[in-house]
């Protein structure tokens, strides 16, 4: 098996040794996987954990943890205000009686929130953010609101949905937007510590 990481072949002892050495280098050097090819075909990074040595070749490209943190926070800073705007559009559509458009907008918000946490929670773990202070806590705090909003939608209680959007969803997005610079600085600080 050939294992290449960032253009350099990784040597290892015994079957699967190269994969173990690659995983060790990722951990020790605090690198973040960016692109993975298995047997010449690009695959999702989630496949990295399942590699066991039955592959002919593995090519992995990485980025430094500090760069990954900066990229993630840059992406979050670009998308959170858009999610806040989608919440406002959802509210406006409901106020006009356009339930279909409101639900499409709300679906985009939920997808955006899910993507946001899928990006930020693993990053928190990689850089070593205290779980009680990181985005994972925010995700847990968000669950009851999501459940309550889904319940109000299922009951077609549009007044309650509007109240939740205006007085709970929108302020929460503003808090996240306001928190980003501080969280970004902390992530960069922790990522720089090796």
Protein backbone atom coordinates (compact mmCIF):
# COMPACT_ATOMS: atom_id res chain seq x y z
CA UNK A 1 0.00 0.00 0.00
CA UNK A 2 1.20 3.47 -0.87
CA UNK A 3 0.32 6.29 1.51
CA UNK A 4 1.12 9.85 0.46
CA UNK A 5 0.48 12.87 2.64
CA UNK A 6 1.01 16.35 1.23
CA UNK A 7 3.09 14.92 -1.62
CA UNK A 8 5.42 12.88 0.59
CA UNK A 9 5.28 9.12 0.87
CA UNK A 10 4.73 7.84 4.40
CA UNK A 11 6.64 4.75 5.47
CA UNK A 12 5.34 2.48 8.20
CA UNK A 13 6.11 -0.87 9.80
CA UNK A 14 3.96 -3.88 8.93
CA UNK A 15 0.53 -4.04 7.29
CA UNK A 16 -1.37 -0.83 7.85
CA UNK A 17 1.70 0.77 9.40
CA UNK A 18 1.75 3.59 6.86
CA UNK A 19 -1.85 4.47 7.69
CA UNK A 20 -1.10 4.47 11.41
CA UNK A 21 1.95 6.66 10.82
CA UNK A 22 -0.18 9.06 8.76
CA UNK A 23 -2.78 9.28 11.55
CA UNK A 24 -0.02 9.89 14.08
CA UNK A 25 1.46 12.68 11.95
CA UNK A 26 -1.97 14.29 11.63
CA UNK A 27 -2.35 14.30 15.41
CA UNK A 28 1.18 15.33 16.33
CA UNK A 29 1.52 18.06 13.73
CA UNK A 30 -2.08 19.20 14.31
CA UNK A 31 -2.98 18.98 10.65
CA UNK A 32 -6.51 18.97 9.30
CA UNK A 33 -7.42 16.72 6.36
CA UNK A 34 -8.51 18.76 3.36
CA UNK A 35 -8.73 16.30 0.45
CA UNK A 36 -8.56 12.51 0.22
CA UNK A 37 -8.00 10.19 -2.73
CA UNK A 38 -8.28 6.43 -2.41
CA UNK A 39 -7.05 4.32 -5.30
CA UNK A 40 -6.93 7.46 -7.45
CA UNK A 41 -10.54 8.54 -6.84
CA UNK A 42 -11.40 11.52 -4.67
CA UNK A 43 -13.62 10.49 -1.75
CA UNK A 44 -15.20 12.22 1.22
CA UNK A 45 -13.02 12.92 4.22
CA UNK A 46 -15.32 10.82 6.38
CA UNK A 47 -13.80 7.79 4.67
CA UNK A 48 -10.45 8.55 6.34
CA UNK A 49 -11.47 6.79 9.56
CA UNK A 50 -12.48 3.63 7.70
CA UNK A 51 -9.15 3.14 5.90
CA UNK A 52 -7.72 -0.17 7.02
CA UNK A 53 -5.03 -1.17 4.56
CA UNK A 54 -7.08 -2.86 1.86
CA UNK A 55 -6.54 0.08 -0.47
CA UNK A 56 -3.79 0.20 -3.07
CA UNK A 57 -3.07 3.88 -2.57
CA UNK A 58 -4.10 6.72 -0.29
CA UNK A 59 -3.32 10.36 -1.00
CA UNK A 60 -4.12 12.96 1.62
CA UNK A 61 -3.78 16.72 1.46
CA UNK A 62 -3.84 18.65 4.71
CA UNK A 63 -3.84 22.20 6.00
CA UNK A 64 -2.40 23.53 9.21
CA UNK A 65 -4.88 23.76 12.06
CA UNK A 66 -4.47 27.54 12.25
CA UNK A 67 -5.34 27.85 8.53
CA UNK A 68 -8.32 25.51 8.95
CA UNK A 69 -9.57 27.59 11.87
CA UNK A 70 -9.19 30.83 9.93
CA UNK A 71 -10.98 29.35 6.91
CA UNK A 72 -13.85 28.00 9.03
CA UNK A 73 -14.36 31.29 10.83
CA UNK A 74 -14.16 33.21 7.58
CA UNK A 75 -16.86 30.99 6.11
CA UNK A 76 -19.00 31.34 9.23
CA UNK A 77 -18.62 35.13 9.19
CA UNK A 78 -19.87 35.17 5.60
CA UNK A 79 -22.87 32.89 6.20
CA UNK A 80 -24.27 33.81 9.62
CA UNK A 81 -25.57 37.23 8.49
CA UNK A 82 -27.26 35.50 5.54
CA UNK A 83 -28.99 33.09 7.93
CA UNK A 84 -30.16 36.06 9.98
CA UNK A 85 -31.59 37.62 6.81
CA UNK A 86 -33.34 34.33 5.97
CA UNK A 87 -34.98 34.37 9.38
CA UNK A 88 -36.23 37.88 8.72
CA UNK A 89 -37.54 36.82 5.28
CA UNK A 90 -39.31 33.86 6.86
CA UNK A 91 -40.95 36.19 9.37
CA UNK A 92 -41.94 38.63 6.62
CA UNK A 93 -43.42 35.84 4.48
CA UNK A 94 -45.49 34.58 7.40
CA UNK A 95 -46.74 38.09 8.15
CA UNK A 96 -47.90 38.30 4.51
CA UNK A 97 -49.55 34.86 4.71
CA UNK A 98 -47.03 33.20 2.34
CA UNK A 99 -46.57 30.03 4.35
CA UNK A 100 -44.93 28.06 1.53
CA UNK A 101 -42.22 30.67 0.96
CA UNK A 102 -41.75 31.05 4.72
CA UNK A 103 -41.19 27.32 5.15
CA UNK A 104 -38.73 27.25 2.25
CA UNK A 105 -36.81 30.07 3.92
CA UNK A 106 -36.98 28.31 7.29
CA UNK A 107 -35.67 25.11 5.73
CA UNK A 108 -32.67 27.08 4.42
CA UNK A 109 -32.11 28.50 7.90
CA UNK A 110 -32.18 25.03 9.47
CA UNK A 111 -29.80 23.73 6.84
CA UNK A 112 -27.49 26.68 7.46
CA UNK A 113 -27.54 26.16 11.22
CA UNK A 114 -26.78 22.46 10.73
CA UNK A 115 -23.89 23.26 8.38
CA UNK A 116 -22.59 25.91 10.78
CA UNK A 117 -22.41 23.45 13.67
CA UNK A 118 -21.01 20.69 11.44
CA UNK A 119 -18.16 23.09 10.64
CA UNK A 120 -17.58 24.64 14.06
CA UNK A 121 -18.02 21.77 16.54
CA UNK A 122 -15.22 19.58 15.10
CA UNK A 123 -13.00 22.65 14.85
CA UNK A 124 -13.57 23.40 18.54
CA UNK A 125 -12.52 19.85 19.37
CA UNK A 126 -9.41 20.08 17.18
CA UNK A 127 -8.15 23.34 18.64
CA UNK A 128 -9.07 22.36 22.20
CA UNK A 129 -11.87 24.80 23.04
CA UNK A 130 -13.47 24.01 26.40
CA UNK A 131 -16.68 22.11 25.46
CA UNK A 132 -18.66 24.18 27.99
CA UNK A 133 -17.72 27.35 26.12
CA UNK A 134 -17.64 26.24 22.49
CA UNK A 135 -20.11 25.95 19.67
CA UNK A 136 -21.16 22.49 20.85
CA UNK A 137 -22.83 24.11 23.85
CA UNK A 138 -24.62 26.50 21.49
CA UNK A 139 -25.82 23.52 19.44
CA UNK A 140 -27.23 21.88 22.57
CA UNK A 141 -28.89 25.13 23.62
CA UNK A 142 -30.47 25.38 20.16
CA UNK A 143 -32.20 21.98 20.28
CA UNK A 144 -35.19 22.98 22.48
CA UNK A 145 -35.87 26.01 20.29
CA UNK A 146 -35.75 23.91 17.14
CA UNK A 147 -38.11 21.34 18.66
CA UNK A 148 -40.52 24.07 19.82
CA UNK A 149 -40.51 25.71 16.39
CA UNK A 150 -41.07 22.39 14.62
CA UNK A 151 -43.99 21.71 16.95
CA UNK A 152 -45.52 25.14 16.28
CA UNK A 153 -45.13 24.57 12.54
CA UNK A 154 -46.74 21.13 12.74
CA UNK A 155 -49.70 22.73 14.58
CA UNK A 156 -49.75 25.55 12.01
CA UNK A 157 -49.52 28.08 14.83
CA UNK A 158 -48.05 30.81 12.65
CA UNK A 159 -48.32 33.48 15.35
CA UNK A 160 -46.12 31.39 17.65
CA UNK A 161 -43.71 30.66 14.79
CA UNK A 162 -43.46 34.40 14.08
CA UNK A 163 -42.81 35.11 17.77
CA UNK A 164 -40.11 32.44 17.91
CA UNK A 165 -38.45 33.75 14.76
CA UNK A 166 -38.53 37.39 15.86
CA UNK A 167 -37.76 36.99 19.57
CA UNK A 168 -35.65 33.83 19.76
CA UNK A 169 -34.12 32.84 16.41
CA UNK A 170 -33.12 36.30 15.21
CA UNK A 171 -31.53 37.45 18.51
CA UNK A 172 -29.64 34.16 18.75
CA UNK A 173 -28.17 34.71 15.26
CA UNK A 174 -27.11 38.23 16.28
CA UNK A 175 -25.40 36.84 19.38
CA UNK A 176 -23.52 34.32 17.21
CA UNK A 177 -22.48 37.03 14.75
CA UNK A 178 -21.28 39.20 17.64
CA UNK A 179 -19.45 36.25 19.22
CA UNK A 180 -17.57 35.26 16.06
CA UNK A 181 -14.61 37.69 16.37
CA UNK A 182 -13.84 36.63 19.94
CA UNK A 183 -14.29 32.93 19.14
CA UNK A 184 -12.14 33.34 16.03
CA UNK A 185 -9.34 34.96 18.04
CA UNK A 186 -9.50 32.22 20.68
CA UNK A 187 -9.46 29.46 18.04
CA UNK A 188 -6.45 31.07 16.33
CA UNK A 189 -4.65 31.37 19.67
CA UNK A 190 -5.31 27.74 20.57
CA UNK A 191 -4.43 26.53 17.07
CA UNK A 192 -1.08 28.33 17.22
CA UNK A 193 -0.16 26.52 20.45
CA UNK A 194 1.61 23.33 19.51
